[in-house]
N, C-alpha and C. Protein backbone atom coordinates (compact mmCIF):
# COMPACT_ATOMS: atom_id res chain seq x y z
N ASP A 1 -29.41 -8.49 9.40
CA ASP A 1 -28.20 -8.20 8.38
C ASP A 1 -27.74 -7.19 7.83
N ALA A 2 -26.69 -7.38 7.90
CA ALA A 2 -25.45 -6.47 7.65
C ALA A 2 -25.95 -5.80 6.28
N LEU A 3 -26.49 -6.68 5.28
CA LEU A 3 -26.61 -6.55 3.41
C LEU A 3 -27.87 -5.27 3.70
N ALA A 4 -29.17 -6.06 4.41
CA ALA A 4 -30.03 -5.40 4.52
C ALA A 4 -30.33 -4.05 5.10
N GLU A 5 -29.43 -3.90 6.35
CA GLU A 5 -29.46 -2.77 6.57
C GLU A 5 -28.81 -1.45 6.02
N TYR A 6 -28.01 -2.06 5.26
CA TYR A 6 -26.76 -1.11 4.05
C TYR A 6 -28.24 -0.94 3.17
N LEU A 7 -29.33 -1.64 2.37
CA LEU A 7 -29.68 -1.49 1.28
C LEU A 7 -30.82 -0.54 1.93
N ALA A 8 -31.22 -0.65 3.15
CA ALA A 8 -32.08 0.31 3.46
C ALA A 8 -31.69 1.78 3.78
N THR A 9 -30.28 1.65 3.56
CA THR A 9 -30.08 3.27 4.19
C THR A 9 -29.98 4.02 2.91
N PRO A 10 -30.10 5.33 2.76
CA PRO A 10 -30.57 5.94 1.34
C PRO A 10 -29.23 5.94 0.81
N ASN A 11 -28.70 6.37 -0.76
CA ASN A 11 -28.14 6.36 -1.46
C ASN A 11 -26.74 7.54 -0.98
N LEU A 12 -25.06 6.38 -0.79
CA LEU A 12 -24.47 8.03 -0.73
C LEU A 12 -24.34 9.18 -1.91
N PRO A 13 -24.42 10.39 -1.63
CA PRO A 13 -23.41 11.02 -2.68
C PRO A 13 -22.64 10.87 -3.57
N HIS A 14 -22.66 10.82 -4.81
CA HIS A 14 -21.51 10.31 -5.94
C HIS A 14 -20.57 9.93 -5.03
N VAL A 15 -19.77 9.10 -5.37
CA VAL A 15 -18.85 8.25 -5.04
C VAL A 15 -17.53 8.39 -6.31
N ASN A 16 -16.75 9.00 -6.72
CA ASN A 16 -15.82 8.97 -8.24
C ASN A 16 -14.78 7.43 -7.74
N ASN A 17 -13.99 7.38 -7.05
CA ASN A 17 -13.71 5.62 -6.60
C ASN A 17 -14.31 4.80 -6.12
N PRO A 18 -15.34 4.32 -5.63
CA PRO A 18 -15.53 3.01 -4.68
C PRO A 18 -14.60 1.68 -4.13
N ILE A 19 -13.18 1.44 -5.24
CA ILE A 19 -12.08 1.34 -4.05
C ILE A 19 -12.16 2.18 -3.06
N VAL A 20 -11.42 2.91 -3.53
CA VAL A 20 -10.97 3.88 -2.25
C VAL A 20 -11.99 4.57 -1.49
N TYR A 21 -13.19 4.84 -1.64
CA TYR A 21 -14.62 4.55 -0.67
C TYR A 21 -14.18 3.52 0.61
N TRP A 22 -13.91 1.96 -0.01
CA TRP A 22 -14.45 0.56 0.33
C TRP A 22 -13.30 0.79 1.35
N THR A 23 -11.74 0.91 0.59
CA THR A 23 -10.95 1.07 1.60
C THR A 23 -10.79 1.80 3.07
N SER A 24 -11.91 2.76 2.42
CA SER A 24 -11.57 4.03 3.77
C SER A 24 -12.36 3.57 5.10
N GLN A 25 -13.43 2.20 4.74
CA GLN A 25 -14.24 2.12 5.41
C GLN A 25 -13.36 0.85 6.13
N THR A 26 -13.89 0.74 7.54
CA THR A 26 -13.30 -0.42 8.09
C THR A 26 -14.56 -2.04 8.70
N LEU A 27 -14.19 -2.41 8.86
CA LEU A 27 -14.79 -3.91 9.88
C LEU A 27 -15.86 -3.64 10.25
N GLU A 28 -15.25 -2.69 11.64
CA GLU A 28 -15.95 -2.63 12.78
C GLU A 28 -17.00 -1.50 12.25
N LYS A 29 -17.03 -0.80 11.14
CA LYS A 29 -17.54 0.29 10.81
C LYS A 29 -19.08 0.23 9.79
N ASN A 30 -17.96 -0.71 8.84
CA ASN A 30 -19.39 -1.26 8.07
C ASN A 30 -18.66 -2.78 7.56
N PRO A 31 -19.78 -3.78 7.74
CA PRO A 31 -19.13 -5.08 8.17
C PRO A 31 -19.25 -5.45 6.08
N LEU A 32 -19.57 -4.88 5.67
CA LEU A 32 -19.58 -5.19 4.15
C LEU A 32 -18.55 -4.90 3.23
N THR A 33 -17.28 -4.17 3.87
CA THR A 33 -16.64 -3.77 3.75
C THR A 33 -15.47 -5.12 2.71
N ALA A 34 -15.54 -5.80 3.65
CA ALA A 34 -14.60 -7.18 2.59
C ALA A 34 -15.34 -7.79 1.14
N MET A 35 -16.73 -8.16 2.19
CA MET A 35 -17.40 -8.62 0.54
C MET A 35 -17.24 -7.37 -0.76
N ALA A 36 -16.73 -6.22 -0.31
CA ALA A 36 -17.35 -5.13 -1.43
C ALA A 36 -15.81 -4.73 -2.09
N LEU A 37 -14.89 -4.77 -1.54
CA LEU A 37 -13.63 -5.38 -2.22
C LEU A 37 -13.50 -6.38 -2.94
N ASP A 38 -14.20 -7.49 -2.37
CA ASP A 38 -13.87 -9.21 -3.38
C ASP A 38 -14.39 -8.27 -4.73
N PHE A 39 -16.00 -7.96 -4.75
CA PHE A 39 -16.23 -7.83 -5.94
C PHE A 39 -15.66 -6.95 -6.58
N LEU A 40 -15.15 -5.31 -5.99
CA LEU A 40 -14.74 -4.26 -6.84
C LEU A 40 -13.48 -5.25 -7.71
N SER A 41 -12.41 -5.70 -6.58
CA SER A 41 -11.73 -6.41 -7.09
C SER A 41 -11.43 -7.48 -8.50
N ALA A 42 -12.67 -7.97 -8.17
CA ALA A 42 -12.99 -9.09 -9.42
C ALA A 42 -12.43 -8.25 -10.99
N PRO A 43 -11.56 -8.98 -11.72
CA PRO A 43 -11.47 -8.27 -12.71
C PRO A 43 -12.15 -8.22 -13.93
N ALA A 44 -12.45 -7.35 -14.84
CA ALA A 44 -13.49 -7.22 -15.96
C ALA A 44 -13.36 -7.63 -16.95
N ALA A 45 -12.44 -7.94 -17.40
CA ALA A 45 -12.10 -8.72 -18.82
C ALA A 45 -11.36 -10.34 -18.68
N SER A 46 -11.80 -11.23 -19.58
CA SER A 46 -11.84 -13.11 -19.56
C SER A 46 -10.06 -13.17 -19.17
N THR A 47 -8.84 -12.04 -19.48
CA THR A 47 -7.86 -12.06 -20.09
C THR A 47 -6.97 -12.50 -18.15
N ASN A 48 -7.98 -11.44 -17.54
CA ASN A 48 -7.26 -10.98 -16.19
C ASN A 48 -8.32 -12.20 -15.19
N VAL A 49 -9.11 -12.93 -15.67
CA VAL A 49 -9.83 -14.15 -15.34
C VAL A 49 -8.93 -15.24 -15.63
N GLU A 50 -8.61 -15.23 -16.12
CA GLU A 50 -8.16 -16.64 -16.89
C GLU A 50 -6.39 -16.53 -16.28
N ARG A 51 -5.73 -15.52 -15.96
CA ARG A 51 -4.80 -15.13 -14.63
C ARG A 51 -4.75 -15.52 -13.63
N ALA A 52 -5.97 -15.12 -12.93
CA ALA A 52 -6.32 -15.56 -11.77
C ALA A 52 -6.52 -16.75 -11.94
N PHE A 53 -6.75 -17.64 -12.88
CA PHE A 53 -6.71 -19.02 -12.76
C PHE A 53 -5.77 -19.65 -12.59
N SER A 54 -4.79 -19.41 -13.40
CA SER A 54 -3.47 -19.89 -13.69
C SER A 54 -2.96 -19.20 -12.33
N SER A 55 -2.94 -18.14 -11.07
CA SER A 55 -2.12 -18.19 -10.54
C SER A 55 -2.68 -18.65 -9.15
N GLY A 56 -3.80 -19.33 -9.29
CA GLY A 56 -4.63 -19.84 -8.37
C GLY A 56 -3.60 -21.64 -8.87
N GLY A 57 -3.64 -21.77 -9.88
CA GLY A 57 -3.18 -23.46 -10.32
C GLY A 57 -1.75 -23.18 -9.59
N ARG A 58 -1.46 -22.34 -9.81
CA ARG A 58 0.53 -22.25 -9.63
C ARG A 58 0.49 -22.10 -7.70
N LEU A 59 -0.76 -21.36 -7.11
CA LEU A 59 -0.45 -21.96 -5.82
C LEU A 59 -0.65 -22.81 -5.12
N VAL A 60 -2.09 -23.86 -5.45
CA VAL A 60 -2.24 -25.29 -5.36
C VAL A 60 -1.64 -25.98 -6.23
N SER A 61 -0.15 -26.80 -5.99
CA SER A 61 0.66 -27.64 -6.37
C SER A 61 0.60 -28.79 -5.83
N LYS A 62 1.26 -29.62 -6.50
CA LYS A 62 1.44 -31.31 -5.66
C LYS A 62 2.09 -31.31 -4.42
N LEU A 63 2.48 -30.21 -3.56
CA LEU A 63 3.14 -30.66 -2.72
C LEU A 63 2.30 -29.88 -1.95
N ARG A 64 1.24 -28.92 -2.55
CA ARG A 64 0.38 -27.73 -1.44
C ARG A 64 -0.92 -28.29 -1.54
N HIS A 65 -1.59 -29.10 -2.20
CA HIS A 65 -3.02 -29.73 -2.45
C HIS A 65 -3.44 -29.75 -1.21
N SER A 66 -2.81 -29.99 -0.23
CA SER A 66 -4.02 -29.87 1.08
C SER A 66 -4.28 -28.78 2.10
N LEU A 67 -4.30 -27.56 1.22
CA LEU A 67 -4.36 -25.56 1.33
C LEU A 67 -5.96 -26.16 1.67
N GLY A 68 -6.18 -25.43 2.56
CA GLY A 68 -7.99 -25.37 2.79
C GLY A 68 -8.73 -23.71 1.92
N ASP A 69 -9.73 -24.26 1.70
CA ASP A 69 -10.06 -23.39 0.69
C ASP A 69 -10.29 -21.82 0.94
N GLU A 70 -10.38 -22.10 2.43
CA GLU A 70 -10.35 -20.35 2.70
C GLU A 70 -8.79 -19.71 2.11
N THR A 71 -7.79 -20.81 2.55
CA THR A 71 -6.60 -19.71 2.42
C THR A 71 -6.30 -20.07 1.04
N VAL A 72 -6.69 -20.74 -0.10
CA VAL A 72 -6.68 -20.61 -1.09
C VAL A 72 -7.32 -19.22 -1.37
N GLN A 73 -8.38 -19.14 -1.38
CA GLN A 73 -9.25 -17.22 -1.43
C GLN A 73 -8.50 -16.44 -0.90
N ALA A 74 -7.85 -16.37 0.74
CA ALA A 74 -7.31 -15.64 0.91
C ALA A 74 -6.44 -15.05 0.49
N ALA A 75 -5.30 -16.08 0.14
CA ALA A 75 -4.33 -16.31 -1.10
C ALA A 75 -4.17 -15.33 -2.27
N CYS A 76 -5.02 -15.81 -2.86
CA CYS A 76 -5.47 -15.24 -4.04
C CYS A 76 -6.34 -13.38 -4.20
N VAL A 77 -6.95 -13.46 -3.01
CA VAL A 77 -7.34 -11.90 -3.24
C VAL A 77 -6.83 -11.44 -2.60
N LEU A 78 -5.70 -11.90 -1.25
CA LEU A 78 -4.36 -10.73 -1.22
C LEU A 78 -3.40 -10.34 -2.52
N GLY A 79 -3.11 -11.77 -3.12
CA GLY A 79 -2.32 -11.25 -4.37
C GLY A 79 -3.02 -10.22 -5.28
N SER A 80 -4.40 -10.01 -5.99
CA SER A 80 -4.97 -9.60 -6.50
C SER A 80 -4.85 -7.93 -5.71
N TRP A 81 -5.57 -7.66 -4.71
CA TRP A 81 -5.38 -6.74 -3.28
C TRP A 81 -4.00 -6.21 -3.96
N SER A 82 -2.77 -6.50 -3.86
CA SER A 82 -1.68 -6.13 -3.85
C SER A 82 -1.22 -6.09 -4.95
N ASP A 83 -1.51 -6.73 -6.19
CA ASP A 83 -1.16 -6.56 -7.81
C ASP A 83 -1.88 -5.30 -8.27
N ASN A 84 -3.35 -4.53 -7.39
CA ASN A 84 -3.92 -3.66 -8.02
C ASN A 84 -3.32 -2.35 -6.73
N GLY A 85 -2.56 -2.47 -5.80
CA GLY A 85 -1.98 -1.64 -5.09
C GLY A 85 -2.63 -1.09 -4.00
N LEU A 86 -4.03 -1.93 -3.95
CA LEU A 86 -4.71 -1.85 -2.38
C LEU A 86 -4.20 -2.15 -1.26
N VAL A 87 -3.04 -3.54 -0.89
CA VAL A 87 -1.73 -3.63 0.09
C VAL A 87 -0.80 -3.08 -0.51
N PRO A 88 -0.16 -2.59 0.16
CA PRO A 88 1.50 -2.05 -0.08
C PRO A 88 2.04 -2.94 0.10
N ARG A 89 2.90 -3.58 -0.90
CA ARG A 89 3.88 -4.38 -1.01
C ARG A 89 5.11 -4.80 0.09
N ASP A 90 5.37 -3.58 0.40
CA ASP A 90 6.62 -3.28 1.95
C ASP A 90 5.79 -3.86 3.23
N LYS A 91 4.20 -3.31 3.28
CA LYS A 91 3.68 -3.65 4.72
C LYS A 91 3.05 -5.39 4.44
N LEU A 92 2.66 -6.01 3.07
CA LEU A 92 2.50 -7.11 3.38
C LEU A 92 3.62 -7.66 3.56
N ILE A 93 5.10 -7.67 3.38
CA ILE A 93 5.90 -8.63 3.00
C ILE A 93 6.66 -8.31 4.91
N GLU A 94 6.43 -6.81 5.53
CA GLU A 94 7.07 -7.05 6.43
C GLU A 94 6.32 -8.03 7.56
N ASN A 95 4.33 -7.62 7.06
CA ASN A 95 3.44 -8.74 7.82
C ASN A 95 4.04 -10.10 8.31
N ILE A 96 4.31 -10.89 7.04
CA ILE A 96 4.79 -11.99 6.86
C ILE A 96 5.85 -12.46 7.32
N ARG A 97 6.85 -10.97 7.13
CA ARG A 97 8.50 -11.63 8.27
C ARG A 97 7.95 -11.53 10.20
N ASN A 98 6.83 -10.91 9.91
CA ASN A 98 6.92 -10.52 11.58
C ASN A 98 6.18 -12.20 12.23
N LYS A 99 5.37 -12.70 11.27
CA LYS A 99 4.58 -13.63 12.02
C LYS A 99 5.54 -14.86 11.41
N ASN A 100 6.55 -15.55 10.91
CA ASN A 100 7.34 -16.48 10.76
C ASN A 100 8.32 -15.94 11.13
N PRO A 101 8.52 -16.94 12.96
CA PRO A 101 9.13 -16.30 13.10
C PRO A 101 11.43 -17.14 12.55
N SER A 102 11.59 -17.83 11.89
CA SER A 102 12.67 -18.44 11.27
C SER A 102 12.78 -16.99 11.03
N LYS A 103 12.91 -16.46 10.66
CA LYS A 103 12.91 -14.95 9.04
C LYS A 103 13.82 -14.60 10.15
């Protein structure tokens, strides 16, 4: 299991910015990358948590109530990463446009 393997390895030298470290990893190189970024991008203050819940509430409306839990989670995490500069906005828009053949 990837977590047990990671915990058994020696500690890394001092890492100044753990988000930068984990964004430099790839899923192939380290399968814990996505989980680490999810935890590191979690807001530290309650106001940000409230904002995240509000954002999730706006995402799941009366017209979009049948969205799957994985879709809602992915949209919320991607939005958080985008807001924090972990995903460049122009690249995100480009990828969405490339997936939507009507644009």
